[in-house]
C-alpha cells in the first residue's frame, strides 16, 4: 500500500532514540521530510545522520527539551521554518519514573504532569497555525496500553497518560471541522531503553533479574514476545498518513494482545 507520505513535512518530538527515532526513520523511508528532536546535540546529529544514510532522505533536527514550557513553541517554529510548513506532528515524551502511590511526592506528580501531559498540549498548540495550512494535517500522540490496562508500579504513567488520551479524543472532535486528524498509538512492551529501565526497577523491587522479568512479560503476551520499535513505528506511520484519512479519534493498541478487554 502506498501510504501517500511522499513529500510530507513531519516533526517528531523525543526522537533521538527509542520509539520516536523509529517513527522518524519509517516516515523518512516513506519519503517524508523529517525534523527530529531531543536534548543532546551530539546524539541528534548521529541519529539524523543515521536516518539519512538509511533512507537517502535529508533529516534535520531541533535541539531542546520538549517538556520545557519555554521551548515547545520555539521547537515547532524551528521545524516549520526548516521544512517550509508542517503536515505531521508526533508528540512523544519520556515516561515518568516508576513507583507506587505512597512513594510519589507532590513535586514528582507535578513534574510528571509537565512531562507526560503538558508537553503534548504545548506542542499541539504551537503547531496548529502550521497544521491549518496543510491539506493533510495529522497529529499522533504516543502513549501506552497502560491507559486501558494499568501496569503495576507505574502509578504516574497510568494516571497521567489518560489525560493525553482525553486531550487527543477531544481535539479530534473539536478540530475535525478544520480537517486536522488526531490519533494516539498505545504501545505495549517494546525493546527500548525505557523498558529496560522499567524492568531493572521491577527486578530490584522483587529481587529477581531483568531476564526473569522479561520472560514473565513475554509469557503473558499472546504473541509470546516484545515488540521491536519498528513494529510500533509502522503502525504510527499508517495512522499519520493520508492512507488513514478517515481515521480520527482512534486509540490504537499496538501491544501484541496484552490488553485483554474488548473495547
C-alpha atoms as a PDB file:
ATOM      1  CA  UNK A   1       0.000   0.000   0.000  1.00  0.00           C
ATOM      2  CA  UNK A   2       1.209   3.495  -0.834  1.00  0.00           C
ATOM      3  CA  UNK A   3       0.745   5.498   2.351  1.00  0.00           C
ATOM      4  CA  UNK A   4       0.862   8.781   0.468  1.00  0.00           C
ATOM      5  CA  UNK A   5       3.583  10.237   2.701  1.00  0.00           C
ATOM      6  CA  UNK A   6       5.967  11.280  -0.060  1.00  0.00           C
ATOM      7  CA  UNK A   7       6.952  14.911   0.462  1.00  0.00           C
ATOM      8  CA  UNK A   8       5.009  15.370   3.710  1.00  0.00           C
ATOM      9  CA  UNK A   9       6.645  17.508   6.388  1.00  0.00           C
ATOM     10  CA  UNK A  10       6.918  15.981   9.852  1.00  0.00           C
ATOM     11  CA  UNK A  11       8.160  16.974  13.286  1.00  0.00           C
ATOM     12  CA  UNK A  12       8.757  14.101  15.719  1.00  0.00           C
ATOM     13  CA  UNK A  13       9.348  15.066  19.345  1.00  0.00           C
ATOM     14  CA  UNK A  14      11.603  12.964  21.538  1.00  0.00           C
ATOM     15  CA  UNK A  15      13.106  11.178  18.554  1.00  0.00           C
ATOM     16  CA  UNK A  16      16.850  10.871  19.107  1.00  0.00           C
ATOM     17  CA  UNK A  17      16.274   7.257  20.177  1.00  0.00           C
ATOM     18  CA  UNK A  18      13.563   4.707  21.022  1.00  0.00           C
ATOM     19  CA  UNK A  19      10.057   4.828  19.558  1.00  0.00           C
ATOM     20  CA  UNK A  20      10.445   8.434  18.438  1.00  0.00           C
ATOM     21  CA  UNK A  21      13.553   7.607  16.427  1.00  0.00           C
ATOM     22  CA  UNK A  22      11.947   4.503  14.933  1.00  0.00           C
ATOM     23  CA  UNK A  23       8.905   6.550  13.872  1.00  0.00           C
ATOM     24  CA  UNK A  24      11.062   9.243  12.291  1.00  0.00           C
ATOM     25  CA  UNK A  25      13.017   6.564  10.423  1.00  0.00           C
ATOM     26  CA  UNK A  26       9.885   4.930   8.990  1.00  0.00           C
ATOM     27  CA  UNK A  27       8.479   8.325   7.962  1.00  0.00           C
ATOM     28  CA  UNK A  28      11.734   9.118   6.180  1.00  0.00           C
ATOM     29  CA  UNK A  29      11.640   5.722   4.466  1.00  0.00           C
ATOM     30  CA  UNK A  30       8.185   6.657   3.189  1.00  0.00           C
ATOM     31  CA  UNK A  31       9.541   9.897   1.708  1.00  0.00           C
ATOM     32  CA  UNK A  32       8.720  12.398   4.468  1.00  0.00           C
ATOM     33  CA  UNK A  33      10.899  15.376   5.210  1.00  0.00           C
ATOM     34  CA  UNK A  34      11.559  14.960   8.923  1.00  0.00           C
ATOM     35  CA  UNK A  35      12.808  17.124  11.778  1.00  0.00           C
ATOM     36  CA  UNK A  36      13.795  15.074  14.809  1.00  0.00           C
ATOM     37  CA  UNK A  37      14.139  16.369  18.350  1.00  0.00           C
ATOM     38  CA  UNK A  38      15.997  15.705  21.566  1.00  0.00           C
ATOM     39  CA  UNK A  39      18.042  17.374  24.266  1.00  0.00           C
ATOM     40  CA  UNK A  40      21.549  16.346  23.197  1.00  0.00           C
ATOM     41  CA  UNK A  41      23.000  17.824  20.014  1.00  0.00           C
ATOM     42  CA  UNK A  42      25.621  15.117  19.544  1.00  0.00           C
ATOM     43  CA  UNK A  43      23.042  12.331  19.864  1.00  0.00           C
ATOM     44  CA  UNK A  44      20.699  14.131  17.468  1.00  0.00           C
ATOM     45  CA  UNK A  45      23.486  14.611  14.935  1.00  0.00           C
ATOM     46  CA  UNK A  46      24.232  10.884  14.977  1.00  0.00           C
ATOM     47  CA  UNK A  47      20.543   9.983  14.755  1.00  0.00           C
ATOM     48  CA  UNK A  48      19.882  12.387  11.876  1.00  0.00           C
ATOM     49  CA  UNK A  49      22.911  11.069  10.001  1.00  0.00           C
ATOM     50  CA  UNK A  50      21.782   7.509  10.616  1.00  0.00           C
ATOM     51  CA  UNK A  51      18.324   8.232   9.166  1.00  0.00           C
ATOM     52  CA  UNK A  52      19.818   9.996   6.146  1.00  0.00           C
ATOM     53  CA  UNK A  53      22.235   7.139   5.480  1.00  0.00           C
ATOM     54  CA  UNK A  54      19.484   4.541   5.779  1.00  0.00           C
ATOM     55  CA  UNK A  55      16.863   6.332   3.678  1.00  0.00           C
ATOM     56  CA  UNK A  56      18.601   8.889   1.487  1.00  0.00           C
ATOM     57  CA  UNK A  57      16.174  11.481   2.868  1.00  0.00           C
ATOM     58  CA  UNK A  58      17.645  14.674   4.284  1.00  0.00           C
ATOM     59  CA  UNK A  59      16.865  14.832   8.006  1.00  0.00           C
ATOM     60  CA  UNK A  60      17.344  17.859  10.230  1.00  0.00           C
ATOM     61  CA  UNK A  61      16.933  18.357  13.948  1.00  0.00           C
ATOM     62  CA  UNK A  62      15.791  20.832  16.608  1.00  0.00           C
ATOM     63  CA  UNK A  63      17.668  20.695  19.900  1.00  0.00           C
ATOM     64  CA  UNK A  64      15.699  21.191  23.103  1.00  0.00           C
ATOM     65  CA  UNK A  65      13.580  19.562  25.784  1.00  0.00           C
ATOM     66  CA  UNK A  66      10.004  19.367  24.500  1.00  0.00           C
ATOM     67  CA  UNK A  67       8.831  19.309  28.124  1.00  0.00           C
ATOM     68  CA  UNK A  68      10.335  22.744  28.771  1.00  0.00           C
ATOM     69  CA  UNK A  69       7.430  25.248  28.813  1.00  0.00           C
ATOM     70  CA  UNK A  70       9.666  27.897  27.262  1.00  0.00           C
ATOM     71  CA  UNK A  71      10.868  25.763  24.343  1.00  0.00           C
ATOM     72  CA  UNK A  72       7.861  23.981  22.810  1.00  0.00           C
ATOM     73  CA  UNK A  73       6.837  26.885  20.588  1.00  0.00           C
ATOM     74  CA  UNK A  74      10.430  27.530  19.521  1.00  0.00           C
ATOM     75  CA  UNK A  75      10.935  23.880  18.557  1.00  0.00           C
ATOM     76  CA  UNK A  76       7.813  23.909  16.396  1.00  0.00           C
ATOM     77  CA  UNK A  77       8.849  27.167  14.750  1.00  0.00           C
ATOM     78  CA  UNK A  78      12.307  25.741  14.038  1.00  0.00           C
ATOM     79  CA  UNK A  79      10.707  22.727  12.363  1.00  0.00           C
ATOM     80  CA  UNK A  80       8.161  24.791  10.427  1.00  0.00           C
ATOM     81  CA  UNK A  81      10.849  27.165   9.203  1.00  0.00           C
ATOM     82  CA  UNK A  82      13.247  24.360   8.253  1.00  0.00           C
ATOM     83  CA  UNK A  83      10.584  22.389   6.397  1.00  0.00           C
ATOM     84  CA  UNK A  84       8.618  25.293   4.958  1.00  0.00           C
ATOM     85  CA  UNK A  85       5.478  24.184   6.755  1.00  0.00           C
ATOM     86  CA  UNK A  86       4.206  21.220   8.751  1.00  0.00           C
ATOM     87  CA  UNK A  87       1.826  18.391   7.873  1.00  0.00           C
ATOM     88  CA  UNK A  88       2.505  15.827  10.568  1.00  0.00           C
ATOM     89  CA  UNK A  89       3.169  16.172  14.281  1.00  0.00           C
ATOM     90  CA  UNK A  90       4.219  13.341  16.584  1.00  0.00           C
ATOM     91  CA  UNK A  91       4.148  14.232  20.276  1.00  0.00           C
ATOM     92  CA  UNK A  92       6.335  11.803  22.155  1.00  0.00           C
ATOM     93  CA  UNK A  93       7.814  12.193  25.634  1.00  0.00           C
ATOM     94  CA  UNK A  94       9.868  10.250  28.106  1.00  0.00           C
ATOM     95  CA  UNK A  95       7.966   8.282  30.690  1.00  0.00           C
ATOM     96  CA  UNK A  96       7.570   9.293  34.350  1.00  0.00           C
ATOM     97  CA  UNK A  97       9.577   7.314  36.924  1.00  0.00           C
ATOM     98  CA  UNK A  98       8.383   4.035  38.378  1.00  0.00           C
ATOM     99  CA  UNK A  99       6.909   3.747  41.857  1.00  0.00           C
ATOM    100  CA  UNK A 100       3.815   3.000  43.884  1.00  0.00           C
ATOM    101  CA  UNK A 101       1.312   5.607  45.026  1.00  0.00           C
ATOM    102  CA  UNK A 102       2.726   6.205  48.510  1.00  0.00           C
ATOM    103  CA  UNK A 103       6.268   6.668  47.232  1.00  0.00           C
ATOM    104  CA  UNK A 104       5.386   9.542  44.883  1.00  0.00           C
ATOM    105  CA  UNK A 105       5.824  13.094  46.167  1.00  0.00           C
ATOM    106  CA  UNK A 106       3.771  16.155  45.243  1.00  0.00           C
ATOM    107  CA  UNK A 107       6.718  17.510  43.246  1.00  0.00           C
ATOM    108  CA  UNK A 108       7.002  14.219  41.348  1.00  0.00           C
ATOM    109  CA  UNK A 109       3.323  14.441  40.368  1.00  0.00           C
ATOM    110  CA  UNK A 110       3.801  17.976  39.064  1.00  0.00           C
ATOM    111  CA  UNK A 111       6.959  17.050  37.140  1.00  0.00           C
ATOM    112  CA  UNK A 112       5.222  14.051  35.584  1.00  0.00           C
ATOM    113  CA  UNK A 113       2.208  16.145  34.537  1.00  0.00           C
ATOM    114  CA  UNK A 114       4.542  18.582  32.816  1.00  0.00           C
ATOM    115  CA  UNK A 115       6.491  15.792  31.107  1.00  0.00           C
ATOM    116  CA  UNK A 116       3.751  13.363  30.092  1.00  0.00           C
ATOM    117  CA  UNK A 117       0.806  15.699  29.525  1.00  0.00           C
ATOM    118  CA  UNK A 118       1.591  19.391  29.195  1.00  0.00           C
ATOM    119  CA  UNK A 119       4.339  18.746  26.641  1.00  0.00           C
ATOM    120  CA  UNK A 120       1.650  17.339  24.304  1.00  0.00           C
ATOM    121  CA  UNK A 121      -0.585  20.341  24.978  1.00  0.00           C
ATOM    122  CA  UNK A 122       2.142  22.883  24.246  1.00  0.00           C
ATOM    123  CA  UNK A 123       3.467  21.214  21.106  1.00  0.00           C
ATOM    124  CA  UNK A 124      -0.004  20.830  19.608  1.00  0.00           C
ATOM    125  CA  UNK A 125      -0.984  24.394  20.460  1.00  0.00           C
ATOM    126  CA  UNK A 126       2.196  25.739  18.848  1.00  0.00           C
ATOM    127  CA  UNK A 127       1.744  23.579  15.742  1.00  0.00           C
ATOM    128  CA  UNK A 128      -1.883  24.475  14.981  1.00  0.00           C
ATOM    129  CA  UNK A 129      -1.118  27.513  12.761  1.00  0.00           C
ATOM    130  CA  UNK A 130       1.097  25.320  10.572  1.00  0.00           C
ATOM    131  CA  UNK A 131      -1.305  22.377  10.547  1.00  0.00           C
ATOM    132  CA  UNK A 132      -4.215  24.585   9.486  1.00  0.00           C
ATOM    133  CA  UNK A 133      -2.230  25.428   6.336  1.00  0.00           C
ATOM    134  CA  UNK A 134      -1.785  21.745   5.440  1.00  0.00           C
ATOM    135  CA  UNK A 135      -4.102  19.726   3.226  1.00  0.00           C
ATOM    136  CA  UNK A 136      -3.171  16.502   5.096  1.00  0.00           C
ATOM    137  CA  UNK A 137      -2.742  17.594   8.713  1.00  0.00           C
ATOM    138  CA  UNK A 138      -2.346  14.761  11.189  1.00  0.00           C
ATOM    139  CA  UNK A 139      -1.266  14.572  14.836  1.00  0.00           C
ATOM    140  CA  UNK A 140      -0.226  11.433  16.671  1.00  0.00           C
ATOM    141  CA  UNK A 141       0.252  11.231  20.434  1.00  0.00           C
ATOM    142  CA  UNK A 142       2.347   8.317  21.655  1.00  0.00           C
ATOM    143  CA  UNK A 143       1.008   6.986  24.947  1.00  0.00           C
ATOM    144  CA  UNK A 144       0.829   3.402  26.293  1.00  0.00           C
ATOM    145  CA  UNK A 145      -1.540   0.462  26.564  1.00  0.00           C
ATOM    146  CA  UNK A 146      -1.445   1.203  30.302  1.00  0.00           C
ATOM    147  CA  UNK A 147      -4.214   3.768  29.700  1.00  0.00           C
ATOM    148  CA  UNK A 148      -6.527   0.782  29.247  1.00  0.00           C
ATOM    149  CA  UNK A 149      -4.798  -1.756  31.490  1.00  0.00           C
ATOM    150  CA  UNK A 150      -2.718  -0.202  34.298  1.00  0.00           C
ATOM    151  CA  UNK A 151       0.786  -1.582  34.797  1.00  0.00           C
ATOM    152  CA  UNK A 152       1.980  -2.266  38.359  1.00  0.00           C
ATOM    153  CA  UNK A 153       4.374   0.301  39.873  1.00  0.00           C
ATOM    154  CA  UNK A 154       3.648   2.857  37.163  1.00  0.00           C
ATOM    155  CA  UNK A 155       1.075   4.980  39.000  1.00  0.00           C
ATOM    156  CA  UNK A 156       2.316   8.218  37.409  1.00  0.00           C
ATOM    157  CA  UNK A 157       2.227   6.902  33.859  1.00  0.00           C
ATOM    158  CA  UNK A 158      -1.045   5.010  34.359  1.00  0.00           C
ATOM    159  CA  UNK A 159      -2.743   8.172  35.607  1.00  0.00           C
ATOM    160  CA  UNK A 160      -1.287  10.995  33.566  1.00  0.00           C
ATOM    161  CA  UNK A 161      -1.218   9.348  30.144  1.00  0.00           C
ATOM    162  CA  UNK A 162      -5.007   9.043  30.448  1.00  0.00           C
ATOM    163  CA  UNK A 163      -5.147  12.833  30.272  1.00  0.00           C
ATOM    164  CA  UNK A 164      -3.324  12.720  26.931  1.00  0.00           C
ATOM    165  CA  UNK A 165      -5.930  10.268  25.640  1.00  0.00           C
ATOM    166  CA  UNK A 166      -8.677  12.651  26.751  1.00  0.00           C
ATOM    167  CA  UNK A 167      -6.876  15.503  25.011  1.00  0.00           C
ATOM    168  CA  UNK A 168      -6.423  13.518  21.798  1.00  0.00           C
ATOM    169  CA  UNK A 169     -10.057  12.451  21.592  1.00  0.00           C
ATOM    170  CA  UNK A 170     -11.324  15.929  22.474  1.00  0.00           C
ATOM    171  CA  UNK A 171      -9.177  17.568  19.797  1.00  0.00           C
ATOM    172  CA  UNK A 172     -10.333  15.036  17.213  1.00  0.00           C
ATOM    173  CA  UNK A 173     -13.861  16.292  17.866  1.00  0.00           C
ATOM    174  CA  UNK A 174     -13.038  19.975  18.246  1.00  0.00           C
ATOM    175  CA  UNK A 175     -10.681  20.329  15.295  1.00  0.00           C
ATOM    176  CA  UNK A 176     -12.199  17.796  12.935  1.00  0.00           C
ATOM    177  CA  UNK A 177     -14.007  20.632  11.119  1.00  0.00           C
ATOM    178  CA  UNK A 178     -10.558  22.120  10.451  1.00  0.00           C
ATOM    179  CA  UNK A 179      -9.599  18.809   8.773  1.00  0.00           C
ATOM    180  CA  UNK A 180      -6.880  18.056  11.330  1.00  0.00           C
ATOM    181  CA  UNK A 181      -6.834  14.432  12.438  1.00  0.00           C
ATOM    182  CA  UNK A 182      -5.822  13.385  15.970  1.00  0.00           C
ATOM    183  CA  UNK A 183      -4.992   9.800  16.911  1.00  0.00           C
ATOM    184  CA  UNK A 184      -2.959   8.011  19.549  1.00  0.00           C
ATOM    185  CA  UNK A 185      -0.918   4.842  19.468  1.00  0.00           C
ATOM    186  CA  UNK A 186      -0.800   2.729  22.623  1.00  0.00           C
ATOM    187  CA  UNK A 187       2.392   0.638  22.552  1.00  0.00           C
ATOM    188  CA  UNK A 188       2.849  -2.431  24.676  1.00  0.00           C
ATOM    189  CA  UNK A 189       6.161  -3.782  25.916  1.00  0.00           C
ATOM    190  CA  UNK A 190       8.765  -2.807  23.342  1.00  0.00           C
ATOM    191  CA  UNK A 191      12.531  -3.341  23.283  1.00  0.00           C
ATOM    192  CA  UNK A 192      13.672   0.184  24.152  1.00  0.00           C
ATOM    193  CA  UNK A 193      15.984   1.721  26.749  1.00  0.00           C
ATOM    194  CA  UNK A 194      12.919   2.942  28.654  1.00  0.00           C
ATOM    195  CA  UNK A 195      11.594  -0.608  29.002  1.00  0.00           C
ATOM    196  CA  UNK A 196      14.955  -1.888  30.191  1.00  0.00           C
ATOM    197  CA  UNK A 197      14.904   0.811  32.887  1.00  0.00           C
ATOM    198  CA  UNK A 198      11.417  -0.284  33.973  1.00  0.00           C
ATOM    199  CA  UNK A 199      12.444  -3.933  34.093  1.00  0.00           C
ATOM    200  CA  UNK A 200      15.536  -3.057  36.106  1.00  0.00           C
ATOM    201  CA  UNK A 201      13.301  -1.294  38.645  1.00  0.00           C
ATOM    202  CA  UNK A 202      10.984  -4.306  38.801  1.00  0.00           C
ATOM    203  CA  UNK A 203      13.884  -6.699  39.257  1.00  0.00           C
ATOM    204  CA  UNK A 204      15.314  -4.597  42.064  1.00  0.00           C
ATOM    205  CA  UNK A 205      11.949  -4.368  43.838  1.00  0.00           C
ATOM    206  CA  UNK A 206      11.269  -8.112  43.550  1.00  0.00           C
ATOM    207  CA  UNK A 207      14.848  -9.365  43.939  1.00  0.00           C
ATOM    208  CA  UNK A 208      14.743 -11.034  40.522  1.00  0.00           C
ATOM    209  CA  UNK A 209      16.646 -10.366  37.293  1.00  0.00           C
ATOM    210  CA  UNK A 210      15.820  -8.329  34.205  1.00  0.00           C
ATOM    211  CA  UNK A 211      15.781 -11.575  32.216  1.00  0.00           C
ATOM    212  CA  UNK A 212      13.219 -13.131  34.572  1.00  0.00           C
ATOM    213  CA  UNK A 213      11.007 -10.055  34.381  1.00  0.00           C
ATOM    214  CA  UNK A 214      11.227 -10.068  30.586  1.00  0.00           C
ATOM    215  CA  UNK A 215      10.323 -13.760  30.469  1.00  0.00           C
ATOM    216  CA  UNK A 216       7.201 -13.097  32.585  1.00  0.00           C
ATOM    217  CA  UNK A 217       6.063 -10.359  30.224  1.00  0.00           C
ATOM    218  CA  UNK A 218       6.607 -12.467  27.120  1.00  0.00           C
ATOM    219  CA  UNK A 219       4.750 -15.376  28.717  1.00  0.00           C
ATOM    220  CA  UNK A 220       1.737 -13.085  29.333  1.00  0.00           C
ATOM    221  CA  UNK A 221       1.706 -11.793  25.755  1.00  0.00           C
ATOM    222  CA  UNK A 222      -0.413 -13.766  23.267  1.00  0.00           C
ATOM    223  CA  UNK A 223       2.325 -13.337  20.636  1.00  0.00           C
ATOM    224  CA  UNK A 224       4.924 -14.519  23.128  1.00  0.00           C
ATOM    225  CA  UNK A 225       7.405 -11.676  22.632  1.00  0.00           C
ATOM    226  CA  UNK A 226       8.047  -7.974  22.969  1.00  0.00           C
ATOM    227  CA  UNK A 227       7.675  -5.626  20.013  1.00  0.00           C
ATOM    228  CA  UNK A 228      10.575  -4.157  18.120  1.00  0.00           C
ATOM    229  CA  UNK A 229      10.474  -0.358  17.827  1.00  0.00           C
ATOM    230  CA  UNK A 230       9.952  -0.508  14.051  1.00  0.00           C
ATOM    231  CA  UNK A 231       6.771  -2.573  14.507  1.00  0.00           C
ATOM    232  CA  UNK A 232       5.261   0.253  16.549  1.00  0.00           C
ATOM    233  CA  UNK A 233       6.640   2.841  14.135  1.00  0.00           C
ATOM    234  CA  UNK A 234       4.987   1.258  11.089  1.00  0.00           C
ATOM    235  CA  UNK A 235       1.584   1.415  12.797  1.00  0.00           C
ATOM    236  CA  UNK A 236       2.295   5.016  13.772  1.00  0.00           C
ATOM    237  CA  UNK A 237       3.198   5.941  10.191  1.00  0.00           C
ATOM    238  CA  UNK A 238      -0.075   4.463   8.939  1.00  0.00           C
ATOM    239  CA  UNK A 239      -2.172   6.474  11.396  1.00  0.00           C
ATOM    240  CA  UNK A 240      -0.341   9.647  10.376  1.00  0.00           C
ATOM    241  CA  UNK A 241      -0.649   9.013   6.662  1.00  0.00           C
ATOM    242  CA  UNK A 242      -3.263  10.005   4.079  1.00  0.00           C
ATOM    243  CA  UNK A 243      -3.955   6.263   3.772  1.00  0.00           C
ATOM    244  CA  UNK A 244      -5.755   6.648   7.119  1.00  0.00           C
ATOM    245  CA  UNK A 245      -7.584   9.788   6.007  1.00  0.00           C
ATOM    246  CA  UNK A 246     -10.918   8.797   7.618  1.00  0.00           C
ATOM    247  CA  UNK A 247      -9.401   7.765  10.951  1.00  0.00           C
ATOM    248  CA  UNK A 248      -9.507  10.305  13.745  1.00  0.00           C
ATOM    249  CA  UNK A 249     -10.028   9.925  17.489  1.00  0.00           C
ATOM    250  CA  UNK A 250      -8.560   6.410  17.291  1.00  0.00           C
ATOM    251  CA  UNK A 251      -6.661   4.936  20.239  1.00  0.00           C
ATOM    252  CA  UNK A 252      -4.763   2.084  18.588  1.00  0.00           C
ATOM    253  CA  UNK A 253      -3.409  -0.693  20.779  1.00  0.00           C
ATOM    254  CA  UNK A 254      -0.063  -1.909  19.462  1.00  0.00           C
ATOM    255  CA  UNK A 255       0.625  -4.337  22.272  1.00  0.00           C
ATOM    256  CA  UNK A 256       0.691  -7.876  20.868  1.00  0.00           C
ATOM    257  CA  UNK A 257      -2.669  -8.581  22.527  1.00  0.00           C
ATOM    258  CA  UNK A 258      -1.576  -7.676  26.089  1.00  0.00           C
ATOM    259  CA  UNK A 259      -4.739  -5.670  26.699  1.00  0.00           C
ATOM    260  CA  UNK A 260      -7.427  -8.240  27.459  1.00  0.00           C
ATOM    261  CA  UNK A 261     -10.528  -6.051  27.138  1.00  0.00           C
ATOM    262  CA  UNK A 262     -12.893  -5.885  24.173  1.00  0.00           C
ATOM    263  CA  UNK A 263     -13.224  -2.096  23.836  1.00  0.00           C
END
